[in-house]
Structure formats: structure tokens, C-alpha cells
Amino acid sequence: MVEPTRNRFTGLARTGAVLLVVAGTIALSACAGGAKPAATATNAASSTPTASATPTPTPTPTPSDPPTPVTLTCDQIVTPQQVYAYNPNFGADPGYAPTSGSLEASVVADQGVACGWLNQTSGDVIEIAVAKPPASELDGLKNTAVTNSQPVPTYGIPPQVEGYFAMRGAKGEVQIFTGAYWVVANSPAFQEPGDAAPLMQNVLDNLPKQ
């Protein structure tokens, strides 16, 4: 009677051992699966091409009130007869060009006309330039002339004609505003406002009526 009892416990022990082995195998399998490296976000991102952004060109703003081109020739601004009457020694200067940074260069930038007459004896040059700058620019030009020059009522009757004069080194500088026009002149021959008056009157008379 004792022997069967021993065999029964032995069978149970074997069965328990088998279960422990199976459970251990499952646990080891679970650990191996957990240790498997997962794909990183970096690897996934690098596999997808990135589209580069194309810069959008910035449009160039168009002035709301651009300058009005002046189509007058130098002989129309001051005729050869008027130049001769002013001083017979002056004649057209074929090599004339406005100096960079000068008011005459600003006139040309505003689609105006700049002209030069050369004194054949002294070498002095008379520069006269005419523009019709943007309306938004005109008040600023007038304010600068008022600040840096002296008003000259003999060039015309204000407010229809606003005239200014100043000495810039050895040269006299004239600015006249009439309607939409901006007239600039300078020369060593202009030592006082009255020296430029005859030519300025010629220019005003020759401008097209607005």
C-alpha cells in the first residue's frame, strides 16, 4: 500500500517540473521579444525626402505718382538768341553732364532735362535744369529750398512762382517752383540773385503753359 503512494507523488513532481520548464521557456521568449530594437523616429524621417521651400520673389513697389517726363530740348529751355542776349560769350557746352549728387542730377533722375552753356572766355558754365517731379516729392523740395536758401520774389509773383537763391561756394544756386515744374540753375556767373534773373525769366516764359 505504501508503494503506490510514492509513485503518485513522483508523477506529480514530474508534471510540476514540466510546467516549470514550459513557463520558463515562455518567459524567455517574452524577454527576447521585448529586447528587439524598435525603429527610431530618426530612421523613419530620413527615409522620406524633404521638399525645400522655394523663396517667393518680392514685387518691386510702383510709385503711386511717378515723375512726369520733360521732353524740352536745351534750345527750348533757353533759346540761342536768349543766351546771346544774356552774354555773347556763352554758347552750348557739348561736353556738359550734371555732377553726381547735384540738384541737376536729381532733376535728371526725375526724368527732367539738364543743360550747360560754356563761357568761351572765362570757362564758366551756366547750368539750367527743369523737371516735373512727383507731386508727393514737390513739397519736400520746397521745404528744403526754404530752409537752405533765401526767397527771391523778383523771379516771379508768389505763390504762382516761388524763387530762391543761395551761394554754394563760388557758385550762385537758383531754385524756382512754378506749378508742377522745378527749375534749378547754378553758375559762377550768378554772384547775386539779379545776375540770374534775365535767364530765369526766359526759362519761365519758355515753359509750356499748364
N, C-alpha and C. Protein backbone atom coordinates (compact mmCIF):
# COMPACT_ATOMS: atom_id res chain seq x y z
N MET A 1 0.83 -1.20 0.00
CA MET A 1 0.00 0.00 0.00
C MET A 1 0.86 1.24 0.00
N VAL A 2 2.04 1.18 0.54
CA VAL A 2 2.91 2.36 0.62
C VAL A 2 3.50 2.69 -0.72
N GLU A 3 3.82 1.75 -1.56
CA GLU A 3 4.50 1.96 -2.85
C GLU A 3 3.65 2.75 -3.81
N PRO A 4 2.42 2.52 -3.98
CA PRO A 4 1.61 3.33 -4.91
C PRO A 4 1.59 4.79 -4.54
N THR A 5 1.58 5.05 -3.25
CA THR A 5 1.57 6.46 -2.82
C THR A 5 2.81 7.16 -3.29
N ARG A 6 3.99 6.52 -3.21
CA ARG A 6 5.26 7.13 -3.64
C ARG A 6 5.23 7.41 -5.12
N ASN A 7 4.67 6.49 -5.89
CA ASN A 7 4.62 6.67 -7.35
C ASN A 7 3.74 7.85 -7.73
N ARG A 8 2.63 8.02 -6.99
CA ARG A 8 1.73 9.14 -7.30
C ARG A 8 2.43 10.47 -7.10
N PHE A 9 3.18 10.61 -6.01
CA PHE A 9 3.87 11.90 -5.75
C PHE A 9 5.00 12.12 -6.74
N THR A 10 5.61 11.01 -7.13
CA THR A 10 6.68 11.14 -8.12
C THR A 10 6.14 11.65 -9.43
N GLY A 11 4.96 11.14 -9.83
CA GLY A 11 4.33 11.61 -11.09
C GLY A 11 3.96 13.07 -11.01
N LEU A 12 3.47 13.47 -9.86
CA LEU A 12 3.10 14.89 -9.69
C LEU A 12 4.32 15.77 -9.76
N ALA A 13 5.41 15.28 -9.19
CA ALA A 13 6.64 16.08 -9.21
C ALA A 13 7.13 16.26 -10.62
N ARG A 14 7.05 15.19 -11.43
CA ARG A 14 7.47 15.30 -12.81
C ARG A 14 6.59 16.29 -13.60
N THR A 15 5.31 16.15 -13.34
CA THR A 15 4.36 17.07 -14.03
C THR A 15 4.67 18.51 -13.68
N GLY A 16 4.96 18.81 -12.41
CA GLY A 16 5.29 20.17 -11.98
C GLY A 16 6.55 20.66 -12.63
N ALA A 17 7.51 19.74 -12.77
CA ALA A 17 8.77 20.16 -13.40
C ALA A 17 8.56 20.55 -14.84
N VAL A 18 7.73 19.75 -15.53
CA VAL A 18 7.43 20.07 -16.94
C VAL A 18 6.77 21.42 -17.05
N LEU A 19 5.83 21.70 -16.17
CA LEU A 19 5.13 23.00 -16.21
C LEU A 19 6.10 24.13 -15.96
N LEU A 20 7.06 23.92 -15.04
CA LEU A 20 8.04 24.97 -14.75
C LEU A 20 8.91 25.23 -15.95
N VAL A 21 9.30 24.15 -16.68
CA VAL A 21 10.14 24.31 -17.88
C VAL A 21 9.39 25.08 -18.95
N VAL A 22 8.11 24.72 -19.17
CA VAL A 22 7.29 25.41 -20.19
C VAL A 22 7.13 26.88 -19.84
N ALA A 23 6.86 27.18 -18.56
CA ALA A 23 6.67 28.58 -18.13
C ALA A 23 7.95 29.36 -18.31
N GLY A 24 9.09 28.73 -18.01
CA GLY A 24 10.38 29.42 -18.18
C GLY A 24 10.65 29.72 -19.63
N THR A 25 10.29 28.77 -20.51
CA THR A 25 10.50 29.00 -21.95
C THR A 25 9.68 30.17 -22.45
N ILE A 26 8.42 30.22 -21.99
CA ILE A 26 7.55 31.34 -22.39
C ILE A 26 8.10 32.66 -21.90
N ALA A 27 8.62 32.68 -20.67
CA ALA A 27 9.18 33.92 -20.11
C ALA A 27 10.39 34.37 -20.89
N LEU A 28 11.27 33.37 -21.25
CA LEU A 28 12.45 33.72 -22.03
C LEU A 28 12.09 34.27 -23.39
N SER A 29 11.04 33.67 -23.99
CA SER A 29 10.58 34.15 -25.31
C SER A 29 10.07 35.56 -25.20
N ALA A 30 9.33 35.87 -24.15
CA ALA A 30 8.80 37.23 -23.96
C ALA A 30 9.92 38.21 -23.78
N CYS A 31 10.99 37.88 -23.04
CA CYS A 31 12.12 38.78 -22.84
C CYS A 31 12.84 39.03 -24.14
N ALA A 32 13.02 37.99 -24.95
CA ALA A 32 13.72 38.14 -26.22
C ALA A 32 12.95 39.06 -27.15
N GLY A 33 11.63 38.93 -27.14
CA GLY A 33 10.81 39.80 -27.99
C GLY A 33 10.88 41.24 -27.52
N GLY A 34 10.93 41.48 -26.20
CA GLY A 34 11.00 42.84 -25.69
C GLY A 34 12.32 43.50 -25.96
N ALA A 35 13.41 42.70 -26.09
CA ALA A 35 14.74 43.28 -26.31
C ALA A 35 14.98 43.66 -27.75
N LYS A 36 14.08 43.25 -28.66
CA LYS A 36 14.25 43.55 -30.08
C LYS A 36 14.18 45.05 -30.32
N PRO A 37 15.22 45.67 -30.93
CA PRO A 37 15.22 47.15 -31.11
C PRO A 37 14.10 47.61 -32.01
N ALA A 38 13.50 48.70 -31.59
CA ALA A 38 12.41 49.30 -32.40
C ALA A 38 12.98 50.34 -33.33
N ALA A 39 12.28 50.58 -34.43
CA ALA A 39 12.74 51.59 -35.40
C ALA A 39 12.67 52.97 -34.76
N THR A 40 13.73 53.74 -34.90
CA THR A 40 13.77 55.08 -34.31
C THR A 40 13.07 56.08 -35.22
N ALA A 41 12.64 57.20 -34.60
CA ALA A 41 11.97 58.25 -35.38
C ALA A 41 12.92 58.86 -36.40
N THR A 42 14.21 58.86 -36.04
CA THR A 42 15.19 59.47 -36.94
C THR A 42 15.30 58.67 -38.23
N ASN A 43 15.36 57.32 -38.08
CA ASN A 43 15.44 56.48 -39.27
C ASN A 43 14.22 56.63 -40.15
N ALA A 44 13.07 56.73 -39.54
CA ALA A 44 11.83 56.86 -40.31
C ALA A 44 11.80 58.18 -41.05
N ALA A 45 12.27 59.24 -40.37
CA ALA A 45 12.24 60.55 -41.00
C ALA A 45 13.20 60.64 -42.16
N SER A 46 14.37 60.00 -42.02
CA SER A 46 15.38 60.10 -43.06
C SER A 46 14.98 59.37 -44.31
N SER A 47 14.05 58.44 -44.21
CA SER A 47 13.64 57.69 -45.39
C SER A 47 12.68 58.48 -46.26
N THR A 48 12.13 59.59 -45.76
CA THR A 48 11.18 60.40 -46.52
C THR A 48 11.86 61.67 -47.01
N PRO A 49 11.92 61.94 -48.33
CA PRO A 49 12.59 63.17 -48.82
C PRO A 49 11.85 64.41 -48.36
N THR A 50 12.62 65.45 -48.00
CA THR A 50 12.04 66.71 -47.53
C THR A 50 12.03 67.72 -48.67
N ALA A 51 10.87 68.29 -48.95
CA ALA A 51 10.76 69.27 -50.03
C ALA A 51 11.31 70.61 -49.55
N SER A 52 12.21 71.21 -50.34
CA SER A 52 12.79 72.51 -49.97
C SER A 52 11.85 73.63 -50.38
N ALA A 53 11.73 74.63 -49.51
CA ALA A 53 10.83 75.75 -49.79
C ALA A 53 11.41 76.65 -50.86
N THR A 54 10.62 77.04 -51.84
CA THR A 54 11.05 77.96 -52.90
C THR A 54 10.75 79.38 -52.48
N PRO A 55 11.78 80.26 -52.42
CA PRO A 55 11.52 81.64 -51.97
C PRO A 55 10.59 82.37 -52.93
N THR A 56 9.67 83.14 -52.37
CA THR A 56 8.73 83.91 -53.17
C THR A 56 9.32 85.27 -53.48
N PRO A 57 9.47 85.62 -54.76
CA PRO A 57 10.06 86.93 -55.08
C PRO A 57 9.22 88.08 -54.56
N THR A 58 9.90 89.10 -54.02
CA THR A 58 9.20 90.27 -53.50
C THR A 58 8.96 91.26 -54.63
N PRO A 59 7.72 91.62 -54.91
CA PRO A 59 7.45 92.56 -56.01
C PRO A 59 8.01 93.94 -55.70
N THR A 60 8.52 94.60 -56.72
CA THR A 60 9.03 95.96 -56.58
C THR A 60 7.86 96.93 -56.58
N PRO A 61 7.73 97.74 -55.52
CA PRO A 61 6.59 98.66 -55.48
C PRO A 61 6.69 99.70 -56.57
N THR A 62 5.54 100.01 -57.15
CA THR A 62 5.47 101.04 -58.18
C THR A 62 5.04 102.35 -57.54
N PRO A 63 5.79 103.43 -57.77
CA PRO A 63 5.39 104.71 -57.17
C PRO A 63 3.97 105.07 -57.57
N SER A 64 3.21 105.60 -56.61
CA SER A 64 1.83 105.96 -56.90
C SER A 64 1.75 107.21 -57.76
N ASP A 65 2.79 108.05 -57.70
CA ASP A 65 2.80 109.26 -58.52
C ASP A 65 4.21 109.48 -59.09
N PRO A 66 4.55 108.79 -60.16
CA PRO A 66 5.89 108.92 -60.74
C PRO A 66 6.08 110.30 -61.34
N PRO A 67 7.34 110.69 -61.61
CA PRO A 67 7.59 111.99 -62.23
C PRO A 67 7.04 112.03 -63.65
N THR A 68 6.76 113.24 -64.11
CA THR A 68 6.30 113.44 -65.49
C THR A 68 7.51 113.81 -66.35
N PRO A 69 7.81 113.04 -67.39
CA PRO A 69 8.98 113.35 -68.21
C PRO A 69 8.89 114.74 -68.84
N VAL A 70 10.01 115.44 -68.85
CA VAL A 70 10.12 116.73 -69.54
C VAL A 70 10.80 116.47 -70.88
N THR A 71 10.13 116.81 -71.96
CA THR A 71 10.64 116.50 -73.30
C THR A 71 11.24 117.71 -73.99
N LEU A 72 11.44 118.80 -73.26
CA LEU A 72 12.02 120.00 -73.85
C LEU A 72 13.49 119.76 -74.19
N THR A 73 13.98 120.42 -75.26
CA THR A 73 15.40 120.42 -75.57
C THR A 73 16.05 121.63 -74.88
N CYS A 74 17.38 121.64 -74.86
CA CYS A 74 18.08 122.76 -74.24
C CYS A 74 17.79 124.07 -74.97
N ASP A 75 17.66 124.01 -76.31
CA ASP A 75 17.37 125.22 -77.08
C ASP A 75 15.94 125.71 -76.87
N GLN A 76 15.09 124.84 -76.32
CA GLN A 76 13.72 125.27 -75.99
C GLN A 76 13.66 125.84 -74.58
N ILE A 77 14.50 125.35 -73.70
CA ILE A 77 14.53 125.89 -72.34
C ILE A 77 15.05 127.33 -72.35
N VAL A 78 16.16 127.54 -73.03
CA VAL A 78 16.69 128.89 -73.29
C VAL A 78 17.18 128.89 -74.74
N THR A 79 16.60 129.71 -75.57
CA THR A 79 16.97 129.72 -76.99
C THR A 79 18.37 130.30 -77.18
N PRO A 80 19.04 129.96 -78.29
CA PRO A 80 20.36 130.54 -78.57
C PRO A 80 20.33 132.07 -78.59
N GLN A 81 19.24 132.67 -79.09
CA GLN A 81 19.13 134.12 -79.12
C GLN A 81 19.07 134.71 -77.71
N GLN A 82 18.37 134.00 -76.81
CA GLN A 82 18.27 134.47 -75.43
C GLN A 82 19.62 134.35 -74.71
N VAL A 83 20.35 133.28 -74.98
CA VAL A 83 21.67 133.12 -74.39
C VAL A 83 22.60 134.22 -74.90
N TYR A 84 22.54 134.51 -76.18
CA TYR A 84 23.39 135.56 -76.76
C TYR A 84 23.05 136.92 -76.17
N ALA A 85 21.77 137.18 -75.97
CA ALA A 85 21.36 138.45 -75.39
C ALA A 85 21.83 138.57 -73.95
N TYR A 86 21.88 137.46 -73.26
CA TYR A 86 22.37 137.48 -71.87
C TYR A 86 23.86 137.78 -71.84
N ASN A 87 24.64 137.05 -72.63
CA ASN A 87 26.08 137.26 -72.71
C ASN A 87 26.58 136.56 -73.98
N PRO A 88 27.09 137.32 -74.95
CA PRO A 88 27.51 136.72 -76.21
C PRO A 88 28.66 135.73 -76.07
N ASN A 89 29.36 135.74 -74.96
CA ASN A 89 30.47 134.80 -74.76
C ASN A 89 30.00 133.39 -74.42
N PHE A 90 28.73 133.24 -74.06
CA PHE A 90 28.23 131.90 -73.71
C PHE A 90 27.68 131.19 -74.94
N GLY A 91 27.99 129.91 -75.01
CA GLY A 91 27.44 129.04 -76.05
C GLY A 91 27.21 127.66 -75.48
N ALA A 92 26.49 126.85 -76.23
CA ALA A 92 26.18 125.49 -75.75
C ALA A 92 27.46 124.73 -75.42
N ASP A 93 27.44 124.01 -74.30
CA ASP A 93 28.59 123.21 -73.85
C ASP A 93 28.35 121.75 -74.26
N PRO A 94 28.99 121.28 -75.34
CA PRO A 94 28.71 119.92 -75.83
C PRO A 94 29.18 118.83 -74.87
N GLY A 95 30.12 119.13 -73.99
CA GLY A 95 30.62 118.11 -73.06
C GLY A 95 29.95 118.16 -71.70
N TYR A 96 28.86 118.91 -71.59
CA TYR A 96 28.25 119.09 -70.27
C TYR A 96 27.57 117.81 -69.77
N ALA A 97 27.71 117.55 -68.49
CA ALA A 97 26.98 116.49 -67.78
C ALA A 97 26.83 116.92 -66.34
N PRO A 98 25.67 116.74 -65.74
CA PRO A 98 25.48 117.16 -64.34
C PRO A 98 26.38 116.37 -63.40
N THR A 99 26.86 117.04 -62.37
CA THR A 99 27.72 116.40 -61.38
C THR A 99 26.90 115.46 -60.50
N SER A 100 27.45 114.29 -60.21
CA SER A 100 26.77 113.33 -59.35
C SER A 100 26.48 113.95 -57.98
N GLY A 101 25.26 113.79 -57.51
CA GLY A 101 24.86 114.32 -56.21
C GLY A 101 24.37 115.75 -56.26
N SER A 102 24.42 116.39 -57.42
CA SER A 102 23.97 117.78 -57.54
C SER A 102 22.46 117.84 -57.73
N LEU A 103 21.92 119.06 -57.59
CA LEU A 103 20.49 119.23 -57.85
C LEU A 103 20.16 118.92 -59.30
N GLU A 104 21.08 119.27 -60.21
CA GLU A 104 20.84 118.97 -61.62
C GLU A 104 20.75 117.46 -61.87
N ALA A 105 21.57 116.69 -61.16
CA ALA A 105 21.49 115.23 -61.28
C ALA A 105 20.16 114.72 -60.73
N SER A 106 19.65 115.34 -59.67
CA SER A 106 18.34 114.96 -59.13
C SER A 106 17.24 115.27 -60.12
N VAL A 107 17.39 116.38 -60.84
CA VAL A 107 16.42 116.73 -61.88
C VAL A 107 16.39 115.65 -62.96
N VAL A 108 17.56 115.22 -63.40
CA VAL A 108 17.63 114.17 -64.42
C VAL A 108 17.03 112.88 -63.90
N ALA A 109 17.26 112.56 -62.63
CA ALA A 109 16.68 111.35 -62.03
C ALA A 109 15.16 111.41 -62.03
N ASP A 110 14.62 112.62 -61.99
CA ASP A 110 13.16 112.80 -62.05
C ASP A 110 12.69 112.96 -63.49
N GLN A 111 13.46 112.41 -64.44
CA GLN A 111 13.13 112.43 -65.86
C GLN A 111 13.03 113.84 -66.41
N GLY A 112 13.89 114.73 -65.87
CA GLY A 112 13.96 116.09 -66.37
C GLY A 112 15.10 116.28 -67.35
N VAL A 113 15.37 117.54 -67.69
CA VAL A 113 16.40 117.89 -68.66
C VAL A 113 17.40 118.83 -67.99
N ALA A 114 18.70 118.58 -68.18
CA ALA A 114 19.75 119.43 -67.64
C ALA A 114 20.64 119.89 -68.79
N CYS A 115 20.96 121.19 -68.82
CA CYS A 115 21.72 121.77 -69.93
C CYS A 115 22.86 122.64 -69.40
N GLY A 116 23.90 122.80 -70.21
CA GLY A 116 25.04 123.62 -69.82
C GLY A 116 25.46 124.55 -70.95
N TRP A 117 25.85 125.77 -70.57
CA TRP A 117 26.36 126.75 -71.53
C TRP A 117 27.73 127.21 -71.03
N LEU A 118 28.70 127.22 -71.92
CA LEU A 118 30.09 127.49 -71.57
C LEU A 118 30.51 128.89 -72.02
N ASN A 119 31.15 129.63 -71.10
CA ASN A 119 31.71 130.94 -71.46
C ASN A 119 33.06 130.69 -72.15
N GLN A 120 33.13 131.08 -73.40
CA GLN A 120 34.33 130.81 -74.20
C GLN A 120 35.55 131.57 -73.70
N THR A 121 35.34 132.62 -72.91
CA THR A 121 36.45 133.43 -72.41
C THR A 121 36.90 132.98 -71.03
N SER A 122 35.97 132.92 -70.09
CA SER A 122 36.32 132.60 -68.69
C SER A 122 36.30 131.11 -68.38
N GLY A 123 35.58 130.33 -69.18
CA GLY A 123 35.42 128.90 -68.88
C GLY A 123 34.31 128.61 -67.90
N ASP A 124 33.61 129.66 -67.44
CA ASP A 124 32.48 129.45 -66.53
C ASP A 124 31.35 128.71 -67.25
N VAL A 125 30.62 127.93 -66.50
CA VAL A 125 29.48 127.19 -67.06
C VAL A 125 28.20 127.62 -66.35
N ILE A 126 27.15 127.82 -67.13
CA ILE A 126 25.81 128.04 -66.58
C ILE A 126 25.03 126.74 -66.75
N GLU A 127 24.52 126.23 -65.65
CA GLU A 127 23.71 125.01 -65.67
C GLU A 127 22.26 125.38 -65.38
N ILE A 128 21.36 124.88 -66.22
CA ILE A 128 19.92 125.07 -66.00
C ILE A 128 19.24 123.72 -66.23
N ALA A 129 18.40 123.33 -65.29
CA ALA A 129 17.71 122.05 -65.38
C ALA A 129 16.24 122.22 -65.01
N VAL A 130 15.40 121.43 -65.67
CA VAL A 130 13.95 121.53 -65.46
C VAL A 130 13.36 120.13 -65.31
N ALA A 131 12.53 119.96 -64.28
CA ALA A 131 11.86 118.67 -64.05
C ALA A 131 10.42 118.91 -63.60
N LYS A 132 9.64 117.83 -63.72
CA LYS A 132 8.29 117.80 -63.13
C LYS A 132 8.27 116.59 -62.18
N PRO A 133 8.77 116.79 -60.96
CA PRO A 133 8.89 115.66 -60.02
C PRO A 133 7.53 115.16 -59.55
N PRO A 134 7.50 114.00 -58.88
CA PRO A 134 6.24 113.51 -58.33
C PRO A 134 5.62 114.55 -57.39
N ALA A 135 4.31 114.64 -57.40
CA ALA A 135 3.61 115.60 -56.53
C ALA A 135 3.96 115.37 -55.07
N SER A 136 4.15 114.10 -54.68
CA SER A 136 4.48 113.80 -53.29
C SER A 136 5.88 114.28 -52.91
N GLU A 137 6.73 114.55 -53.89
CA GLU A 137 8.10 114.99 -53.63
C GLU A 137 8.23 116.51 -53.63
N LEU A 138 7.28 117.17 -54.28
CA LEU A 138 7.41 118.61 -54.52
C LEU A 138 7.45 119.42 -53.23
N ASP A 139 6.58 119.11 -52.27
CA ASP A 139 6.57 119.87 -51.01
C ASP A 139 7.88 119.72 -50.26
N GLY A 140 8.47 118.54 -50.28
CA GLY A 140 9.75 118.34 -49.62
C GLY A 140 10.86 119.16 -50.27
N LEU A 141 10.84 119.26 -51.59
CA LEU A 141 11.84 120.08 -52.30
C LEU A 141 11.68 121.55 -51.93
N LYS A 142 10.44 122.00 -51.86
CA LYS A 142 10.19 123.39 -51.48
C LYS A 142 10.65 123.67 -50.05
N ASN A 143 10.35 122.75 -49.15
CA ASN A 143 10.76 122.94 -47.75
C ASN A 143 12.28 123.01 -47.61
N THR A 144 12.98 122.19 -48.38
CA THR A 144 14.45 122.23 -48.35
C THR A 144 14.97 123.55 -48.88
N ALA A 145 14.36 124.05 -49.96
CA ALA A 145 14.78 125.33 -50.52
C ALA A 145 14.52 126.47 -49.53
N VAL A 146 13.38 126.43 -48.86
CA VAL A 146 13.06 127.46 -47.87
C VAL A 146 14.08 127.45 -46.74
N THR A 147 14.49 126.25 -46.32
CA THR A 147 15.43 126.12 -45.20
C THR A 147 16.84 126.55 -45.56
N ASN A 148 17.27 126.22 -46.77
CA ASN A 148 18.68 126.39 -47.14
C ASN A 148 18.95 127.57 -48.06
N SER A 149 17.93 128.32 -48.45
CA SER A 149 18.11 129.43 -49.40
C SER A 149 17.30 130.65 -48.96
N GLN A 150 17.51 131.73 -49.68
CA GLN A 150 16.76 132.97 -49.42
C GLN A 150 15.69 133.14 -50.48
N PRO A 151 14.49 133.51 -50.08
CA PRO A 151 13.43 133.75 -51.09
C PRO A 151 13.76 134.96 -51.95
N VAL A 152 13.41 134.85 -53.24
CA VAL A 152 13.66 135.94 -54.20
C VAL A 152 12.35 136.22 -54.93
N PRO A 153 11.58 137.21 -54.47
CA PRO A 153 10.29 137.49 -55.10
C PRO A 153 10.42 138.07 -56.51
N THR A 154 11.60 138.57 -56.88
CA THR A 154 11.75 139.15 -58.22
C THR A 154 11.78 138.11 -59.33
N TYR A 155 11.92 136.83 -58.99
CA TYR A 155 11.86 135.79 -60.02
C TYR A 155 10.43 135.55 -60.49
N GLY A 156 9.47 135.97 -59.73
CA GLY A 156 8.07 135.79 -60.09
C GLY A 156 7.19 136.15 -58.91
N ILE A 157 5.91 136.17 -59.14
CA ILE A 157 4.96 136.56 -58.11
C ILE A 157 4.49 135.33 -57.34
N PRO A 158 4.81 135.23 -56.03
CA PRO A 158 4.28 134.11 -55.22
C PRO A 158 2.76 134.23 -55.10
N PRO A 159 2.02 133.15 -54.95
CA PRO A 159 2.53 131.76 -54.87
C PRO A 159 2.65 131.10 -56.24
N GLN A 160 2.29 131.79 -57.32
CA GLN A 160 2.41 131.17 -58.65
C GLN A 160 3.86 130.80 -58.97
N VAL A 161 4.77 131.64 -58.53
CA VAL A 161 6.21 131.40 -58.74
C VAL A 161 6.92 131.60 -57.40
N GLU A 162 7.62 130.58 -56.95
CA GLU A 162 8.40 130.66 -55.71
C GLU A 162 9.88 130.55 -56.08
N GLY A 163 10.65 131.61 -55.84
CA GLY A 163 12.06 131.63 -56.21
C GLY A 163 12.98 131.71 -55.01
N TYR A 164 14.16 131.06 -55.11
CA TYR A 164 15.12 131.02 -54.01
C TYR A 164 16.54 131.13 -54.58
N PHE A 165 17.43 131.70 -53.77
CA PHE A 165 18.82 131.87 -54.18
C PHE A 165 19.74 131.62 -52.99
N ALA A 166 20.91 131.03 -53.27
CA ALA A 166 21.93 130.80 -52.23
C ALA A 166 23.28 130.67 -52.90
N MET A 167 24.32 131.10 -52.20
CA MET A 167 25.68 130.88 -52.67
C MET A 167 26.17 129.52 -52.16
N ARG A 168 26.69 128.72 -53.06
CA ARG A 168 27.29 127.43 -52.72
C ARG A 168 28.75 127.49 -53.15
N GLY A 169 29.59 127.89 -52.24
CA GLY A 169 30.98 128.09 -52.58
C GLY A 169 31.11 129.30 -53.50
N ALA A 170 31.69 129.10 -54.67
CA ALA A 170 31.88 130.19 -55.63
C ALA A 170 30.72 130.31 -56.61
N LYS A 171 29.71 129.47 -56.46
CA LYS A 171 28.60 129.45 -57.41
C LYS A 171 27.31 129.93 -56.76
N GLY A 172 26.52 130.66 -57.53
CA GLY A 172 25.18 131.01 -57.10
C GLY A 172 24.19 129.94 -57.55
N GLU A 173 23.29 129.56 -56.66
CA GLU A 173 22.32 128.49 -56.95
C GLU A 173 20.90 129.06 -56.91
N VAL A 174 20.14 128.76 -57.94
CA VAL A 174 18.76 129.23 -58.06
C VAL A 174 17.82 128.03 -58.06
N GLN A 175 16.70 128.16 -57.34
CA GLN A 175 15.62 127.18 -57.43
C GLN A 175 14.31 127.94 -57.61
N ILE A 176 13.52 127.50 -58.55
CA ILE A 176 12.22 128.12 -58.81
C ILE A 176 11.17 127.02 -58.92
N PHE A 177 10.05 127.24 -58.26
CA PHE A 177 8.91 126.32 -58.32
C PHE A 177 7.73 127.07 -58.93
N THR A 178 7.20 126.50 -60.01
CA THR A 178 6.02 127.11 -60.63
C THR A 178 5.13 125.99 -61.14
N GLY A 179 3.92 125.92 -60.64
CA GLY A 179 3.03 124.81 -60.99
C GLY A 179 3.68 123.49 -60.59
N ALA A 180 3.77 122.56 -61.56
CA ALA A 180 4.41 121.26 -61.31
C ALA A 180 5.89 121.27 -61.63
N TYR A 181 6.42 122.41 -62.08
CA TYR A 181 7.82 122.47 -62.52
C TYR A 181 8.77 122.81 -61.37
N TRP A 182 9.95 122.23 -61.47
CA TRP A 182 11.07 122.54 -60.58
C TRP A 182 12.24 122.96 -61.46
N VAL A 183 12.66 124.21 -61.34
CA VAL A 183 13.75 124.75 -62.15
C VAL A 183 14.97 124.97 -61.25
N VAL A 184 16.12 124.49 -61.70
CA VAL A 184 17.37 124.62 -60.95
C VAL A 184 18.41 125.25 -61.87
N ALA A 185 19.21 126.18 -61.33
CA ALA A 185 20.29 126.79 -62.11
C ALA A 185 21.44 127.12 -61.18
N ASN A 186 22.67 127.03 -61.70
CA ASN A 186 23.82 127.46 -60.90
C ASN A 186 24.97 127.83 -61.83
N SER A 187 25.79 128.76 -61.37
CA SER A 187 26.94 129.21 -62.15
C SER A 187 27.80 130.15 -61.32
N PRO A 188 29.10 130.21 -61.61
CA PRO A 188 29.93 131.26 -61.01
C PRO A 188 29.52 132.64 -61.49
N ALA A 189 28.78 132.68 -62.59
CA ALA A 189 28.30 133.97 -63.11
C ALA A 189 27.18 134.55 -62.26
N PHE A 190 26.59 133.73 -61.38
CA PHE A 190 25.49 134.17 -60.53
C PHE A 190 26.06 134.51 -59.14
N GLN A 191 26.47 135.73 -58.96
CA GLN A 191 27.02 136.14 -57.67
C GLN A 191 25.97 136.79 -56.78
N GLU A 192 24.83 137.08 -57.35
CA GLU A 192 23.70 137.60 -56.59
C GLU A 192 22.43 137.25 -57.35
N PRO A 193 21.26 137.30 -56.69
CA PRO A 193 20.03 136.85 -57.34
C PRO A 193 19.76 137.54 -58.68
N GLY A 194 20.07 138.84 -58.78
CA GLY A 194 19.78 139.57 -60.02
C GLY A 194 20.59 139.10 -61.20
N ASP A 195 21.77 138.48 -60.97
CA ASP A 195 22.58 138.01 -62.09
C ASP A 195 21.88 136.91 -62.89
N ALA A 196 21.06 136.13 -62.22
CA ALA A 196 20.37 135.03 -62.91
C ALA A 196 18.98 135.42 -63.39
N ALA A 197 18.50 136.59 -62.99
CA ALA A 197 17.11 136.96 -63.25
C ALA A 197 16.73 136.94 -64.73
N PRO A 198 17.55 137.52 -65.67
CA PRO A 198 17.14 137.51 -67.08
C PRO A 198 16.96 136.10 -67.63
N LEU A 199 17.90 135.22 -67.33
CA LEU A 199 17.77 133.84 -67.83
C LEU A 199 16.60 133.11 -67.19
N MET A 200 16.36 133.35 -65.92
CA MET A 200 15.24 132.69 -65.25
C MET A 200 13.90 133.16 -65.84
N GLN A 201 13.84 134.42 -66.22
CA GLN A 201 12.62 134.91 -66.86
C GLN A 201 12.44 134.25 -68.22
N ASN A 202 13.55 134.05 -68.94
CA ASN A 202 13.48 133.34 -70.22
C ASN A 202 12.94 131.92 -70.04
N VAL A 203 13.48 131.23 -69.04
CA VAL A 203 13.05 129.84 -68.79
C VAL A 203 11.56 129.81 -68.48
N LEU A 204 11.09 130.68 -67.60
CA LEU A 204 9.67 130.69 -67.21
C LEU A 204 8.78 131.00 -68.41
N ASP A 205 9.24 131.91 -69.28
CA ASP A 205 8.45 132.25 -70.47
C ASP A 205 8.41 131.09 -71.46
N ASN A 206 9.46 130.27 -71.49
CA ASN A 206 9.53 129.18 -72.47
C ASN A 206 8.86 127.89 -72.01
N LEU A 207 8.55 127.77 -70.73
CA LEU A 207 7.89 126.55 -70.25
C LEU A 207 6.49 126.45 -70.83
N PRO A 208 6.08 125.25 -71.24
CA PRO A 208 4.71 125.09 -71.74
C PRO A 208 3.69 125.49 -70.68
N LYS A 209 2.67 126.18 -71.10
CA LYS A 209 1.62 126.61 -70.19
C LYS A 209 0.85 125.39 -69.72
N GLN A 210 0.60 125.31 -68.41
CA GLN A 210 -0.07 124.13 -67.83
C GLN A 210 -1.58 124.35 -67.75
